[in-house]
């Protein structure tokens, strides 16, 4: 099966805060900070597994208008994602749990990142 989306990027108001938030939070899912550089006055960071597929860059006021869901390989990873995200300044937007209205094994957690974007970790496996 091939991916439908190659990569996603978000603009953030405070680059360092967002980079640190995502570095720690996404590490719970095995996602690493793979790129961190400047292009002119812009700061850019890329996260992924093997290659960057989730990007952040400076340059906007916080509007919280995005939703990004990251794949977790287990429910324990979803729980860790949620816990670390909150410890890094994220705000609860839906505690870990089953969301049977999506499908019987949909186990997800939702957190608002420092810019108010709705980020999620989801595991589709039956556990």
PDB file of N, CA and C in Angstrom:
ATOM      1  N   UNK A   1       0.845  -1.173   0.000  1.00  0.00           N
ATOM      2  CA  UNK A   1       0.000   0.000   0.000  1.00  0.00           C
ATOM      3  C   UNK A   1       0.892   1.238   0.000  1.00  0.00           C
ATOM      4  N   UNK A   2       0.623   2.189  -0.867  1.00  0.00           N
ATOM      5  CA  UNK A   2       1.409   3.415  -0.899  1.00  0.00           C
ATOM      6  C   UNK A   2       0.677   4.523  -0.150  1.00  0.00           C
ATOM      7  N   UNK A   3       1.452   5.458   0.365  1.00  0.00           N
ATOM      8  CA  UNK A   3       0.894   6.573   1.122  1.00  0.00           C
ATOM      9  C   UNK A   3       0.170   7.529   0.188  1.00  0.00           C
ATOM     10  N   UNK A   4      -0.841   8.154   0.692  1.00  0.00           N
ATOM     11  CA  UNK A   4      -1.591   9.149  -0.062  1.00  0.00           C
ATOM     12  C   UNK A   4      -0.922  10.520   0.049  1.00  0.00           C
ATOM     13  N   UNK A   5      -0.323  10.794   1.187  1.00  0.00           N
ATOM     14  CA  UNK A   5       0.322  12.086   1.425  1.00  0.00           C
ATOM     15  C   UNK A   5       1.813  11.859   1.616  1.00  0.00           C
ATOM     16  N   UNK A   6       2.634  12.620   0.917  1.00  0.00           N
ATOM     17  CA  UNK A   6       4.082  12.499   1.027  1.00  0.00           C
ATOM     18  C   UNK A   6       4.621  13.225   2.259  1.00  0.00           C
ATOM     19  N   UNK A   7       4.131  14.442   2.493  1.00  0.00           N
ATOM     20  CA  UNK A   7       4.547  15.188   3.672  1.00  0.00           C
ATOM     21  C   UNK A   7       3.535  16.281   3.995  1.00  0.00           C
ATOM     22  N   UNK A   8       3.619  16.782   5.239  1.00  0.00           N
ATOM     23  CA  UNK A   8       2.728  17.829   5.743  1.00  0.00           C
ATOM     24  C   UNK A   8       3.583  18.869   6.433  1.00  0.00           C
ATOM     25  N   UNK A   9       3.230  20.139   6.298  1.00  0.00           N
ATOM     26  CA  UNK A   9       3.958  21.203   6.970  1.00  0.00           C
ATOM     27  C   UNK A   9       3.020  22.150   7.690  1.00  0.00           C
ATOM     28  N   UNK A  10       3.476  22.623   8.849  1.00  0.00           N
ATOM     29  CA  UNK A  10       2.735  23.606   9.629  1.00  0.00           C
ATOM     30  C   UNK A  10       3.614  24.815   9.891  1.00  0.00           C
ATOM     31  N   UNK A  11       3.045  25.990   9.841  1.00  0.00           N
ATOM     32  CA  UNK A  11       3.718  27.204  10.288  1.00  0.00           C
ATOM     33  C   UNK A  11       3.459  27.334  11.786  1.00  0.00           C
ATOM     34  N   UNK A  12       4.471  27.764  12.535  1.00  0.00           N
ATOM     35  CA  UNK A  12       4.345  27.893  13.980  1.00  0.00           C
ATOM     36  C   UNK A  12       4.779  29.281  14.423  1.00  0.00           C
ATOM     37  N   UNK A  13       4.225  29.740  15.533  1.00  0.00           N
ATOM     38  CA  UNK A  13       4.530  31.077  16.036  1.00  0.00           C
ATOM     39  C   UNK A  13       5.876  31.115  16.759  1.00  0.00           C
ATOM     40  N   UNK A  14       6.198  30.094  17.531  1.00  0.00           N
ATOM     41  CA  UNK A  14       7.440  30.032  18.292  1.00  0.00           C
ATOM     42  C   UNK A  14       8.164  28.761  17.869  1.00  0.00           C
ATOM     43  N   UNK A  15       9.126  28.913  16.961  1.00  0.00           N
ATOM     44  CA  UNK A  15       9.778  27.756  16.356  1.00  0.00           C
ATOM     45  C   UNK A  15      10.435  26.849  17.382  1.00  0.00           C
ATOM     46  N   UNK A  16      11.256  27.409  18.276  1.00  0.00           N
ATOM     47  CA  UNK A  16      11.981  26.576  19.233  1.00  0.00           C
ATOM     48  C   UNK A  16      11.024  25.807  20.135  1.00  0.00           C
ATOM     49  N   UNK A  17       9.997  26.465  20.626  1.00  0.00           N
ATOM     50  CA  UNK A  17       9.025  25.796  21.495  1.00  0.00           C
ATOM     51  C   UNK A  17       8.329  24.674  20.747  1.00  0.00           C
ATOM     52  N   UNK A  18       7.911  24.928  19.521  1.00  0.00           N
ATOM     53  CA  UNK A  18       7.223  23.904  18.724  1.00  0.00           C
ATOM     54  C   UNK A  18       8.170  22.752  18.385  1.00  0.00           C
ATOM     55  N   UNK A  19       9.410  23.074  17.995  1.00  0.00           N
ATOM     56  CA  UNK A  19      10.381  22.024  17.673  1.00  0.00           C
ATOM     57  C   UNK A  19      10.610  21.113  18.872  1.00  0.00           C
ATOM     58  N   UNK A  20      10.800  21.703  20.040  1.00  0.00           N
ATOM     59  CA  UNK A  20      11.040  20.904  21.237  1.00  0.00           C
ATOM     60  C   UNK A  20       9.807  20.075  21.599  1.00  0.00           C
ATOM     61  N   UNK A  21       8.626  20.669  21.481  1.00  0.00           N
ATOM     62  CA  UNK A  21       7.375  19.953  21.750  1.00  0.00           C
ATOM     63  C   UNK A  21       7.255  18.734  20.845  1.00  0.00           C
ATOM     64  N   UNK A  22       7.428  18.924  19.551  1.00  0.00           N
ATOM     65  CA  UNK A  22       7.289  17.810  18.613  1.00  0.00           C
ATOM     66  C   UNK A  22       8.422  16.792  18.747  1.00  0.00           C
ATOM     67  N   UNK A  23       9.640  17.257  19.017  1.00  0.00           N
ATOM     68  CA  UNK A  23      10.757  16.318  19.181  1.00  0.00           C
ATOM     69  C   UNK A  23      10.461  15.335  20.312  1.00  0.00           C
ATOM     70  N   UNK A  24      10.016  15.829  21.447  1.00  0.00           N
ATOM     71  CA  UNK A  24       9.746  14.962  22.595  1.00  0.00           C
ATOM     72  C   UNK A  24       8.470  14.145  22.409  1.00  0.00           C
ATOM     73  N   UNK A  25       7.423  14.773  21.924  1.00  0.00           N
ATOM     74  CA  UNK A  25       6.131  14.101  21.776  1.00  0.00           C
ATOM     75  C   UNK A  25       6.181  13.018  20.706  1.00  0.00           C
ATOM     76  N   UNK A  26       6.747  13.318  19.555  1.00  0.00           N
ATOM     77  CA  UNK A  26       6.777  12.335  18.468  1.00  0.00           C
ATOM     78  C   UNK A  26       7.771  11.207  18.722  1.00  0.00           C
ATOM     79  N   UNK A  27       8.747  11.430  19.590  1.00  0.00           N
ATOM     80  CA  UNK A  27       9.686  10.355  19.931  1.00  0.00           C
ATOM     81  C   UNK A  27       8.953   9.160  20.533  1.00  0.00           C
ATOM     82  N   UNK A  28       7.822   9.395  21.179  1.00  0.00           N
ATOM     83  CA  UNK A  28       7.044   8.293  21.761  1.00  0.00           C
ATOM     84  C   UNK A  28       6.497   7.364  20.689  1.00  0.00           C
ATOM     85  N   UNK A  29       6.453   7.837  19.446  1.00  0.00           N
ATOM     86  CA  UNK A  29       5.948   7.053  18.312  1.00  0.00           C
ATOM     87  C   UNK A  29       7.087   6.574  17.411  1.00  0.00           C
ATOM     88  N   UNK A  30       8.319   6.758  17.852  1.00  0.00           N
ATOM     89  CA  UNK A  30       9.473   6.368  17.040  1.00  0.00           C
ATOM     90  C   UNK A  30       9.775   7.335  15.923  1.00  0.00           C
ATOM     91  N   UNK A  31       9.231   8.544  16.007  1.00  0.00           N
ATOM     92  CA  UNK A  31       9.447   9.579  14.993  1.00  0.00           C
ATOM     93  C   UNK A  31      10.541  10.507  15.505  1.00  0.00           C
ATOM     94  N   UNK A  32      11.559  10.736  14.661  1.00  0.00           N
ATOM     95  CA  UNK A  32      12.718  11.513  15.066  1.00  0.00           C
ATOM     96  C   UNK A  32      12.795  12.860  14.363  1.00  0.00           C
ATOM     97  N   UNK A  33      13.478  13.803  15.013  1.00  0.00           N
ATOM     98  CA  UNK A  33      13.853  15.055  14.365  1.00  0.00           C
ATOM     99  C   UNK A  33      15.000  14.729  13.417  1.00  0.00           C
ATOM    100  N   UNK A  34      14.784  14.857  12.117  1.00  0.00           N
ATOM    101  CA  UNK A  34      15.774  14.480  11.115  1.00  0.00           C
ATOM    102  C   UNK A  34      16.404  15.663  10.406  1.00  0.00           C
ATOM    103  N   UNK A  35      15.786  16.836  10.503  1.00  0.00           N
ATOM    104  CA  UNK A  35      16.317  18.025   9.844  1.00  0.00           C
ATOM    105  C   UNK A  35      15.992  19.243  10.691  1.00  0.00           C
ATOM    106  N   UNK A  36      16.943  20.163  10.787  1.00  0.00           N
ATOM    107  CA  UNK A  36      16.750  21.408  11.532  1.00  0.00           C
ATOM    108  C   UNK A  36      17.705  22.418  10.917  1.00  0.00           C
ATOM    109  N   UNK A  37      17.167  23.377  10.147  1.00  0.00           N
ATOM    110  CA  UNK A  37      18.040  24.303   9.430  1.00  0.00           C
ATOM    111  C   UNK A  37      17.324  25.618   9.179  1.00  0.00           C
ATOM    112  N   UNK A  38      18.097  26.565   8.688  1.00  0.00           N
ATOM    113  CA  UNK A  38      17.576  27.880   8.318  1.00  0.00           C
ATOM    114  C   UNK A  38      17.669  28.047   6.812  1.00  0.00           C
ATOM    115  N   UNK A  39      16.675  28.731   6.267  1.00  0.00           N
ATOM    116  CA  UNK A  39      16.661  29.123   4.861  1.00  0.00           C
ATOM    117  C   UNK A  39      16.332  30.619   4.881  1.00  0.00           C
ATOM    118  N   UNK A  40      17.354  31.435   4.702  1.00  0.00           N
ATOM    119  CA  UNK A  40      17.147  32.874   4.858  1.00  0.00           C
ATOM    120  C   UNK A  40      16.751  33.162   6.300  1.00  0.00           C
ATOM    121  N   UNK A  41      15.615  33.809   6.488  1.00  0.00           N
ATOM    122  CA  UNK A  41      15.135  34.121   7.832  1.00  0.00           C
ATOM    123  C   UNK A  41      14.210  33.046   8.388  1.00  0.00           C
ATOM    124  N   UNK A  42      13.936  32.033   7.608  1.00  0.00           N
ATOM    125  CA  UNK A  42      13.031  30.973   8.045  1.00  0.00           C
ATOM    126  C   UNK A  42      13.775  29.851   8.745  1.00  0.00           C
ATOM    127  N   UNK A  43      13.198  29.331   9.819  1.00  0.00           N
ATOM    128  CA  UNK A  43      13.690  28.132  10.500  1.00  0.00           C
ATOM    129  C   UNK A  43      12.780  26.985  10.095  1.00  0.00           C
ATOM    130  N   UNK A  44      13.380  25.822   9.873  1.00  0.00           N
ATOM    131  CA  UNK A  44      12.641  24.658   9.395  1.00  0.00           C
ATOM    132  C   UNK A  44      13.112  23.428  10.168  1.00  0.00           C
ATOM    133  N   UNK A  45      12.162  22.558  10.538  1.00  0.00           N
ATOM    134  CA  UNK A  45      12.495  21.275  11.161  1.00  0.00           C
ATOM    135  C   UNK A  45      11.629  20.199  10.531  1.00  0.00           C
ATOM    136  N   UNK A  46      12.250  19.049  10.266  1.00  0.00           N
ATOM    137  CA  UNK A  46      11.541  17.926   9.665  1.00  0.00           C
ATOM    138  C   UNK A  46      11.639  16.686  10.548  1.00  0.00           C
ATOM    139  N   UNK A  47      10.526  15.999  10.717  1.00  0.00           N
ATOM    140  CA  UNK A  47      10.432  14.820  11.568  1.00  0.00           C
ATOM    141  C   UNK A  47       9.985  13.630  10.730  1.00  0.00           C
ATOM    142  N   UNK A  48      10.435  12.445  11.101  1.00  0.00           N
ATOM    143  CA  UNK A  48       9.976  11.270  10.378  1.00  0.00           C
ATOM    144  C   UNK A  48      10.649  10.006  10.853  1.00  0.00           C
ATOM    145  N   UNK A  49      10.434   8.970  10.085  1.00  0.00           N
ATOM    146  CA  UNK A  49      11.079   7.668  10.280  1.00  0.00           C
ATOM    147  C   UNK A  49      11.842   7.382   8.994  1.00  0.00           C
ATOM    148  N   UNK A  50      13.137   7.610   9.008  1.00  0.00           N
ATOM    149  CA  UNK A  50      13.947   7.407   7.811  1.00  0.00           C
ATOM    150  C   UNK A  50      14.082   8.634   6.944  1.00  0.00           C
ATOM    151  N   UNK A  51      13.013   9.379   6.758  1.00  0.00           N
ATOM    152  CA  UNK A  51      13.042  10.633   6.010  1.00  0.00           C
ATOM    153  C   UNK A  51      11.972  11.552   6.583  1.00  0.00           C
ATOM    154  N   UNK A  52      12.187  12.848   6.537  1.00  0.00           N
ATOM    155  CA  UNK A  52      11.198  13.776   7.085  1.00  0.00           C
ATOM    156  C   UNK A  52       9.891  13.753   6.278  1.00  0.00           C
ATOM    157  N   UNK A  53       8.792  13.660   6.985  1.00  0.00           N
ATOM    158  CA  UNK A  53       7.487  13.736   6.322  1.00  0.00           C
ATOM    159  C   UNK A  53       6.544  14.693   7.056  1.00  0.00           C
ATOM    160  N   UNK A  54       6.950  15.164   8.241  1.00  0.00           N
ATOM    161  CA  UNK A  54       6.195  16.167   8.984  1.00  0.00           C
ATOM    162  C   UNK A  54       7.145  17.328   9.242  1.00  0.00           C
ATOM    163  N   UNK A  55       6.756  18.515   8.764  1.00  0.00           N
ATOM    164  CA  UNK A  55       7.623  19.687   8.821  1.00  0.00           C
ATOM    165  C   UNK A  55       6.964  20.815   9.593  1.00  0.00           C
ATOM    166  N   UNK A  56       7.785  21.583  10.299  1.00  0.00           N
ATOM    167  CA  UNK A  56       7.327  22.831  10.898  1.00  0.00           C
ATOM    168  C   UNK A  56       8.275  23.940  10.447  1.00  0.00           C
ATOM    169  N   UNK A  57       7.749  25.152  10.383  1.00  0.00           N
ATOM    170  CA  UNK A  57       8.580  26.313  10.079  1.00  0.00           C
ATOM    171  C   UNK A  57       7.986  27.528  10.769  1.00  0.00           C
ATOM    172  N   UNK A  58       8.840  28.512  11.042  1.00  0.00           N
ATOM    173  CA  UNK A  58       8.359  29.727  11.702  1.00  0.00           C
ATOM    174  C   UNK A  58       7.565  30.574  10.726  1.00  0.00           C
ATOM    175  N   UNK A  59       6.787  31.479  11.303  1.00  0.00           N
ATOM    176  CA  UNK A  59       6.202  32.458  10.422  1.00  0.00           C
ATOM    177  C   UNK A  59       4.720  32.715  10.481  1.00  0.00           C
ATOM    178  N   UNK A  60       4.056  32.395  11.568  1.00  0.00           N
ATOM    179  CA  UNK A  60       2.650  32.775  11.611  1.00  0.00           C
ATOM    180  C   UNK A  60       2.203  32.924  13.052  1.00  0.00           C
ATOM    181  N   UNK A  61       1.104  33.633  13.224  1.00  0.00           N
ATOM    182  CA  UNK A  61       0.483  33.707  14.538  1.00  0.00           C
ATOM    183  C   UNK A  61      -0.298  32.423  14.770  1.00  0.00           C
ATOM    184  N   UNK A  62      -0.374  32.014  16.012  1.00  0.00           N
ATOM    185  CA  UNK A  62      -1.097  30.790  16.349  1.00  0.00           C
ATOM    186  C   UNK A  62      -2.574  30.944  15.993  1.00  0.00           C
ATOM    187  N   UNK A  63      -3.083  30.019  15.157  1.00  0.00           N
ATOM    188  CA  UNK A  63      -4.491  30.025  14.792  1.00  0.00           C
ATOM    189  C   UNK A  63      -5.146  28.690  15.098  1.00  0.00           C
ATOM    190  N   UNK A  64      -4.329  27.652  15.219  1.00  0.00           N
ATOM    191  CA  UNK A  64      -4.874  26.349  15.564  1.00  0.00           C
ATOM    192  C   UNK A  64      -5.862  25.815  14.553  1.00  0.00           C
ATOM    193  N   UNK A  65      -5.543  25.894  13.272  1.00  0.00           N
ATOM    194  CA  UNK A  65      -6.501  25.499  12.248  1.00  0.00           C
ATOM    195  C   UNK A  65      -6.167  24.177  11.570  1.00  0.00           C
ATOM    196  N   UNK A  66      -5.233  23.401  12.134  1.00  0.00           N
ATOM    197  CA  UNK A  66      -4.839  22.143  11.493  1.00  0.00           C
ATOM    198  C   UNK A  66      -5.147  20.949  12.391  1.00  0.00           C
ATOM    199  N   UNK A  67      -5.325  19.803  11.760  1.00  0.00           N
ATOM    200  CA  UNK A  67      -5.433  18.525  12.455  1.00  0.00           C
ATOM    201  C   UNK A  67      -4.504  17.544  11.754  1.00  0.00           C
ATOM    202  N   UNK A  68      -3.577  16.971  12.526  1.00  0.00           N
ATOM    203  CA  UNK A  68      -2.642  15.995  12.000  1.00  0.00           C
ATOM    204  C   UNK A  68      -2.705  14.767  12.900  1.00  0.00           C
ATOM    205  N   UNK A  69      -2.887  13.592  12.307  1.00  0.00           N
ATOM    206  CA  UNK A  69      -2.913  12.343  13.061  1.00  0.00           C
ATOM    207  C   UNK A  69      -1.673  11.530  12.729  1.00  0.00           C
ATOM    208  N   UNK A  70      -0.978  11.072  13.768  1.00  0.00           N
ATOM    209  CA  UNK A  70       0.230  10.269  13.619  1.00  0.00           C
ATOM    210  C   UNK A  70      -0.092   8.821  13.964  1.00  0.00           C
ATOM    211  N   UNK A  71       0.469   7.891  13.208  1.00  0.00           N
ATOM    212  CA  UNK A  71       0.240   6.470  13.417  1.00  0.00           C
ATOM    213  C   UNK A  71       1.037   5.966  14.612  1.00  0.00           C
ATOM    214  N   UNK A  72       0.349   5.268  15.494  1.00  0.00           N
ATOM    215  CA  UNK A  72       0.987   4.595  16.625  1.00  0.00           C
ATOM    216  C   UNK A  72       0.916   3.095  16.382  1.00  0.00           C
ATOM    217  N   UNK A  73       1.940   2.371  16.798  1.00  0.00           N
ATOM    218  CA  UNK A  73       1.940   0.927  16.579  1.00  0.00           C
ATOM    219  C   UNK A  73       1.246   0.166  17.703  1.00  0.00           C
ATOM    220  N   UNK A  74       0.939   0.860  18.801  1.00  0.00           N
ATOM    221  CA  UNK A  74       0.257   0.201  19.918  1.00  0.00           C
ATOM    222  C   UNK A  74      -0.528   1.232  20.720  1.00  0.00           C
ATOM    223  N   UNK A  75      -1.426   0.737  21.532  1.00  0.00           N
ATOM    224  CA  UNK A  75      -2.173   1.620  22.424  1.00  0.00           C
ATOM    225  C   UNK A  75      -1.247   2.235  23.466  1.00  0.00           C
ATOM    226  N   UNK A  76      -0.218   1.496  23.866  1.00  0.00           N
ATOM    227  CA  UNK A  76       0.760   2.047  24.809  1.00  0.00           C
ATOM    228  C   UNK A  76       1.457   3.265  24.213  1.00  0.00           C
ATOM    229  N   UNK A  77       1.756   3.234  22.919  1.00  0.00           N
ATOM    230  CA  UNK A  77       2.363   4.409  22.268  1.00  0.00           C
ATOM    231  C   UNK A  77       1.401   5.588  22.279  1.00  0.00           C
ATOM    232  N   UNK A  78       0.117   5.339  22.056  1.00  0.00           N
ATOM    233  CA  UNK A  78      -0.881   6.416  22.113  1.00  0.00           C
ATOM    234  C   UNK A  78      -0.878   7.042  23.505  1.00  0.00           C
ATOM    235  N   UNK A  79      -0.870   6.202  24.532  1.00  0.00           N
ATOM    236  CA  UNK A  79      -0.869   6.694  25.911  1.00  0.00           C
ATOM    237  C   UNK A  79       0.380   7.511  26.207  1.00  0.00           C
ATOM    238  N   UNK A  80       1.544   7.031  25.749  1.00  0.00           N
ATOM    239  CA  UNK A  80       2.801   7.755  25.972  1.00  0.00           C
ATOM    240  C   UNK A  80       2.795   9.090  25.239  1.00  0.00           C
ATOM    241  N   UNK A  81       2.331   9.095  23.991  1.00  0.00           N
ATOM    242  CA  UNK A  81       2.210  10.320  23.195  1.00  0.00           C
ATOM    243  C   UNK A  81       1.411  11.374  23.968  1.00  0.00           C
ATOM    244  N   UNK A  82       0.267  10.975  24.458  1.00  0.00           N
ATOM    245  CA  UNK A  82      -0.627  11.884  25.181  1.00  0.00           C
ATOM    246  C   UNK A  82       0.062  12.431  26.437  1.00  0.00           C
ATOM    247  N   UNK A  83       0.672  11.556  27.208  1.00  0.00           N
ATOM    248  CA  UNK A  83       1.324  11.947  28.449  1.00  0.00           C
ATOM    249  C   UNK A  83       2.470  12.922  28.200  1.00  0.00           C
ATOM    250  N   UNK A  84       3.333  12.602  27.251  1.00  0.00           N
ATOM    251  CA  UNK A  84       4.477  13.465  26.955  1.00  0.00           C
ATOM    252  C   UNK A  84       4.006  14.787  26.362  1.00  0.00           C
ATOM    253  N   UNK A  85       3.020  14.748  25.480  1.00  0.00           N
ATOM    254  CA  UNK A  85       2.502  15.987  24.881  1.00  0.00           C
ATOM    255  C   UNK A  85       2.004  16.940  25.970  1.00  0.00           C
ATOM    256  N   UNK A  86       1.278  16.413  26.949  1.00  0.00           N
ATOM    257  CA  UNK A  86       0.796  17.265  28.039  1.00  0.00           C
ATOM    258  C   UNK A  86       1.953  17.792  28.874  1.00  0.00           C
ATOM    259  N   UNK A  87       2.973  16.965  29.120  1.00  0.00           N
ATOM    260  CA  UNK A  87       4.116  17.414  29.920  1.00  0.00           C
ATOM    261  C   UNK A  87       4.937  18.476  29.196  1.00  0.00           C
ATOM    262  N   UNK A  88       4.832  18.528  27.865  1.00  0.00           N
ATOM    263  CA  UNK A  88       5.565  19.511  27.064  1.00  0.00           C
ATOM    264  C   UNK A  88       4.738  20.762  26.760  1.00  0.00           C
ATOM    265  N   UNK A  89       3.603  20.900  27.415  1.00  0.00           N
ATOM    266  CA  UNK A  89       2.794  22.110  27.248  1.00  0.00           C
ATOM    267  C   UNK A  89       1.596  21.960  26.343  1.00  0.00           C
ATOM    268  N   UNK A  90       1.359  20.765  25.832  1.00  0.00           N
ATOM    269  CA  UNK A  90       0.140  20.533  25.049  1.00  0.00           C
ATOM    270  C   UNK A  90      -1.086  20.569  25.961  1.00  0.00           C
ATOM    271  N   UNK A  91      -2.237  20.756  25.357  1.00  0.00           N
ATOM    272  CA  UNK A  91      -3.491  20.799  26.130  1.00  0.00           C
ATOM    273  C   UNK A  91      -4.402  19.660  25.692  1.00  0.00           C
ATOM    274  N   UNK A  92      -5.035  19.056  26.672  1.00  0.00           N
ATOM    275  CA  UNK A  92      -5.940  17.941  26.405  1.00  0.00           C
ATOM    276  C   UNK A  92      -7.025  18.329  25.412  1.00  0.00           C
ATOM    277  N   UNK A  93      -7.251  17.449  24.444  1.00  0.00           N
ATOM    278  CA  UNK A  93      -8.348  17.632  23.494  1.00  0.00           C
ATOM    279  C   UNK A  93      -9.046  16.292  23.250  1.00  0.00           C
ATOM    280  N   UNK A  94      -8.825  15.338  24.155  1.00  0.00           N
ATOM    281  CA  UNK A  94      -9.441  14.016  24.060  1.00  0.00           C
ATOM    282  C   UNK A  94      -8.490  12.952  24.569  1.00  0.00           C
ATOM    283  N   UNK A  95      -8.711  12.489  25.778  1.00  0.00           N
ATOM    284  CA  UNK A  95      -7.828  11.503  26.417  1.00  0.00           C
ATOM    285  C   UNK A  95      -7.781  10.202  25.619  1.00  0.00           C
ATOM    286  N   UNK A  96      -6.739   9.405  25.813  1.00  0.00           N
ATOM    287  CA  UNK A  96      -6.634   8.127  25.112  1.00  0.00           C
ATOM    288  C   UNK A  96      -7.856   7.252  25.361  1.00  0.00           C
ATOM    289  N   UNK A  97      -8.322   6.641  24.302  1.00  0.00           N
ATOM    290  CA  UNK A  97      -9.457   5.739  24.431  1.00  0.00           C
ATOM    291  C   UNK A  97      -9.969   5.282  23.077  1.00  0.00           C
ATOM    292  N   UNK A  98     -10.876   4.320  23.139  1.00  0.00           N
ATOM    293  CA  UNK A  98     -11.506   3.821  21.921  1.00  0.00           C
ATOM    294  C   UNK A  98     -12.452   4.861  21.360  1.00  0.00           C
ATOM    295  N   UNK A  99     -12.477   4.977  20.060  1.00  0.00           N
ATOM    296  CA  UNK A  99     -13.412   5.848  19.345  1.00  0.00           C
ATOM    297  C   UNK A  99     -14.167   4.946  18.367  1.00  0.00           C
ATOM    298  N   UNK A 100     -15.088   4.159  18.901  1.00  0.00           N
ATOM    299  CA  UNK A 100     -15.791   3.129  18.120  1.00  0.00           C
ATOM    300  C   UNK A 100     -16.633   3.717  16.995  1.00  0.00           C
ATOM    301  N   UNK A 101     -16.965   5.011  17.077  1.00  0.00           N
ATOM    302  CA  UNK A 101     -17.735   5.627  15.983  1.00  0.00           C
ATOM    303  C   UNK A 101     -16.913   5.685  14.694  1.00  0.00           C
ATOM    304  N   UNK A 102     -15.555   5.634  14.799  1.00  0.00           N
ATOM    305  CA  UNK A 102     -14.712   5.553  13.602  1.00  0.00           C
ATOM    306  C   UNK A 102     -14.616   4.108  13.130  1.00  0.00           C
ATOM    307  N   UNK A 103     -14.238   3.215  14.022  1.00  0.00           N
ATOM    308  CA  UNK A 103     -14.296   1.759  13.819  1.00  0.00           C
ATOM    309  C   UNK A 103     -13.983   1.100  15.164  1.00  0.00           C
ATOM    310  N   UNK A 104     -14.306  -0.169  15.341  1.00  0.00           N
ATOM    311  CA  UNK A 104     -14.214  -0.808  16.661  1.00  0.00           C
ATOM    312  C   UNK A 104     -12.833  -0.789  17.311  1.00  0.00           C
ATOM    313  N   UNK A 105     -11.745  -0.733  16.549  1.00  0.00           N
ATOM    314  CA  UNK A 105     -10.400  -0.769  17.124  1.00  0.00           C
ATOM    315  C   UNK A 105      -9.691   0.584  17.106  1.00  0.00           C
ATOM    316  N   UNK A 106     -10.395   1.653  16.776  1.00  0.00           N
ATOM    317  CA  UNK A 106      -9.772   2.977  16.685  1.00  0.00           C
ATOM    318  C   UNK A 106      -9.471   3.472  18.094  1.00  0.00           C
ATOM    319  N   UNK A 107      -8.183   3.494  18.448  1.00  0.00           N
ATOM    320  CA  UNK A 107      -7.741   3.940  19.760  1.00  0.00           C
ATOM    321  C   UNK A 107      -6.893   5.182  19.556  1.00  0.00           C
ATOM    322  N   UNK A 108      -7.376   6.316  20.019  1.00  0.00           N
ATOM    323  CA  UNK A 108      -6.673   7.563  19.758  1.00  0.00           C
ATOM    324  C   UNK A 108      -6.634   8.490  20.951  1.00  0.00           C
ATOM    325  N   UNK A 109      -5.772   9.478  20.854  1.00  0.00           N
ATOM    326  CA  UNK A 109      -5.667  10.554  21.834  1.00  0.00           C
ATOM    327  C   UNK A 109      -5.425  11.851  21.082  1.00  0.00           C
ATOM    328  N   UNK A 110      -6.011  12.928  21.570  1.00  0.00           N
ATOM    329  CA  UNK A 110      -5.954  14.228  20.911  1.00  0.00           C
ATOM    330  C   UNK A 110      -5.374  15.270  21.865  1.00  0.00           C
ATOM    331  N   UNK A 111      -4.459  16.087  21.346  1.00  0.00           N
ATOM    332  CA  UNK A 111      -3.814  17.139  22.121  1.00  0.00           C
ATOM    333  C   UNK A 111      -3.710  18.380  21.250  1.00  0.00           C
ATOM    334  N   UNK A 112      -3.902  19.537  21.859  1.00  0.00           N
ATOM    335  CA  UNK A 112      -3.660  20.796  21.160  1.00  0.00           C
ATOM    336  C   UNK A 112      -2.196  21.170  21.361  1.00  0.00           C
ATOM    337  N   UNK A 113      -1.476  21.372  20.266  1.00  0.00           N
ATOM    338  CA  UNK A 113      -0.059  21.730  20.348  1.00  0.00           C
ATOM    339  C   UNK A 113       0.083  23.177  20.820  1.00  0.00           C
ATOM    340  N   UNK A 114       1.311  23.694  20.997  1.00  0.00           N
ATOM    341  CA  UNK A 114       1.469  25.067  21.487  1.00  0.00           C
ATOM    342  C   UNK A 114       0.794  26.135  20.624  1.00  0.00           C
ATOM    343  N   UNK A 115       0.511  25.841  19.355  1.00  0.00           N
ATOM    344  CA  UNK A 115      -0.169  26.792  18.482  1.00  0.00           C
ATOM    345  C   UNK A 115      -1.671  26.533  18.392  1.00  0.00           C
ATOM    346  N   UNK A 116      -2.161  25.538  19.126  1.00  0.00           N
ATOM    347  CA  UNK A 116      -3.585  25.233  19.114  1.00  0.00           C
ATOM    348  C   UNK A 116      -4.016  24.249  18.045  1.00  0.00           C
ATOM    349  N   UNK A 117      -3.060  23.665  17.311  1.00  0.00           N
ATOM    350  CA  UNK A 117      -3.403  22.652  16.311  1.00  0.00           C
ATOM    351  C   UNK A 117      -3.779  21.352  17.008  1.00  0.00           C
ATOM    352  N   UNK A 118      -4.737  20.653  16.463  1.00  0.00           N
ATOM    353  CA  UNK A 118      -5.207  19.392  17.000  1.00  0.00           C
ATOM    354  C   UNK A 118      -4.317  18.267  16.481  1.00  0.00           C
ATOM    355  N   UNK A 119      -3.466  17.725  17.349  1.00  0.00           N
ATOM    356  CA  UNK A 119      -2.625  16.613  16.930  1.00  0.00           C
ATOM    357  C   UNK A 119      -3.112  15.352  17.626  1.00  0.00           C
ATOM    358  N   UNK A 120      -2.940  14.237  16.945  1.00  0.00           N
ATOM    359  CA  UNK A 120      -3.506  12.988  17.409  1.00  0.00           C
ATOM    360  C   UNK A 120      -2.511  11.860  17.191  1.00  0.00           C
ATOM    361  N   UNK A 121      -2.565  10.882  18.082  1.00  0.00           N
ATOM    362  CA  UNK A 121      -1.898   9.603  17.851  1.00  0.00           C
ATOM    363  C   UNK A 121      -3.005   8.572  17.797  1.00  0.00           C
ATOM    364  N   UNK A 122      -2.929   7.661  16.812  1.00  0.00           N
ATOM    365  CA  UNK A 122      -3.983   6.661  16.633  1.00  0.00           C
ATOM    366  C   UNK A 122      -3.386   5.300  16.341  1.00  0.00           C
ATOM    367  N   UNK A 123      -3.954   4.288  16.984  1.00  0.00           N
ATOM    368  CA  UNK A 123      -3.600   2.903  16.737  1.00  0.00           C
ATOM    369  C   UNK A 123      -4.859   2.200  16.239  1.00  0.00           C
ATOM    370  N   UNK A 124      -4.740   1.470  15.139  1.00  0.00           N
ATOM    371  CA  UNK A 124      -5.885   0.777  14.550  1.00  0.00           C
ATOM    372  C   UNK A 124      -5.894  -0.715  14.879  1.00  0.00           C
ATOM    373  N   UNK A 125      -4.881  -1.187  15.575  1.00  0.00           N
ATOM    374  CA  UNK A 125      -4.762  -2.621  15.877  1.00  0.00           C
ATOM    375  C   UNK A 125      -5.687  -3.025  17.022  1.00  0.00           C
ATOM    376  N   UNK A 126      -6.208  -4.229  16.937  1.00  0.00           N
ATOM    377  CA  UNK A 126      -6.988  -4.785  18.058  1.00  0.00           C
ATOM    378  C   UNK A 126      -6.012  -5.211  19.143  1.00  0.00           C
ATOM    379  N   UNK A 127      -6.238  -4.746  20.359  1.00  0.00           N
ATOM    380  CA  UNK A 127      -5.371  -5.133  21.473  1.00  0.00           C
ATOM    381  C   UNK A 127      -6.185  -5.604  22.623  1.00  0.00           C
TER     382      UNK A 127
END
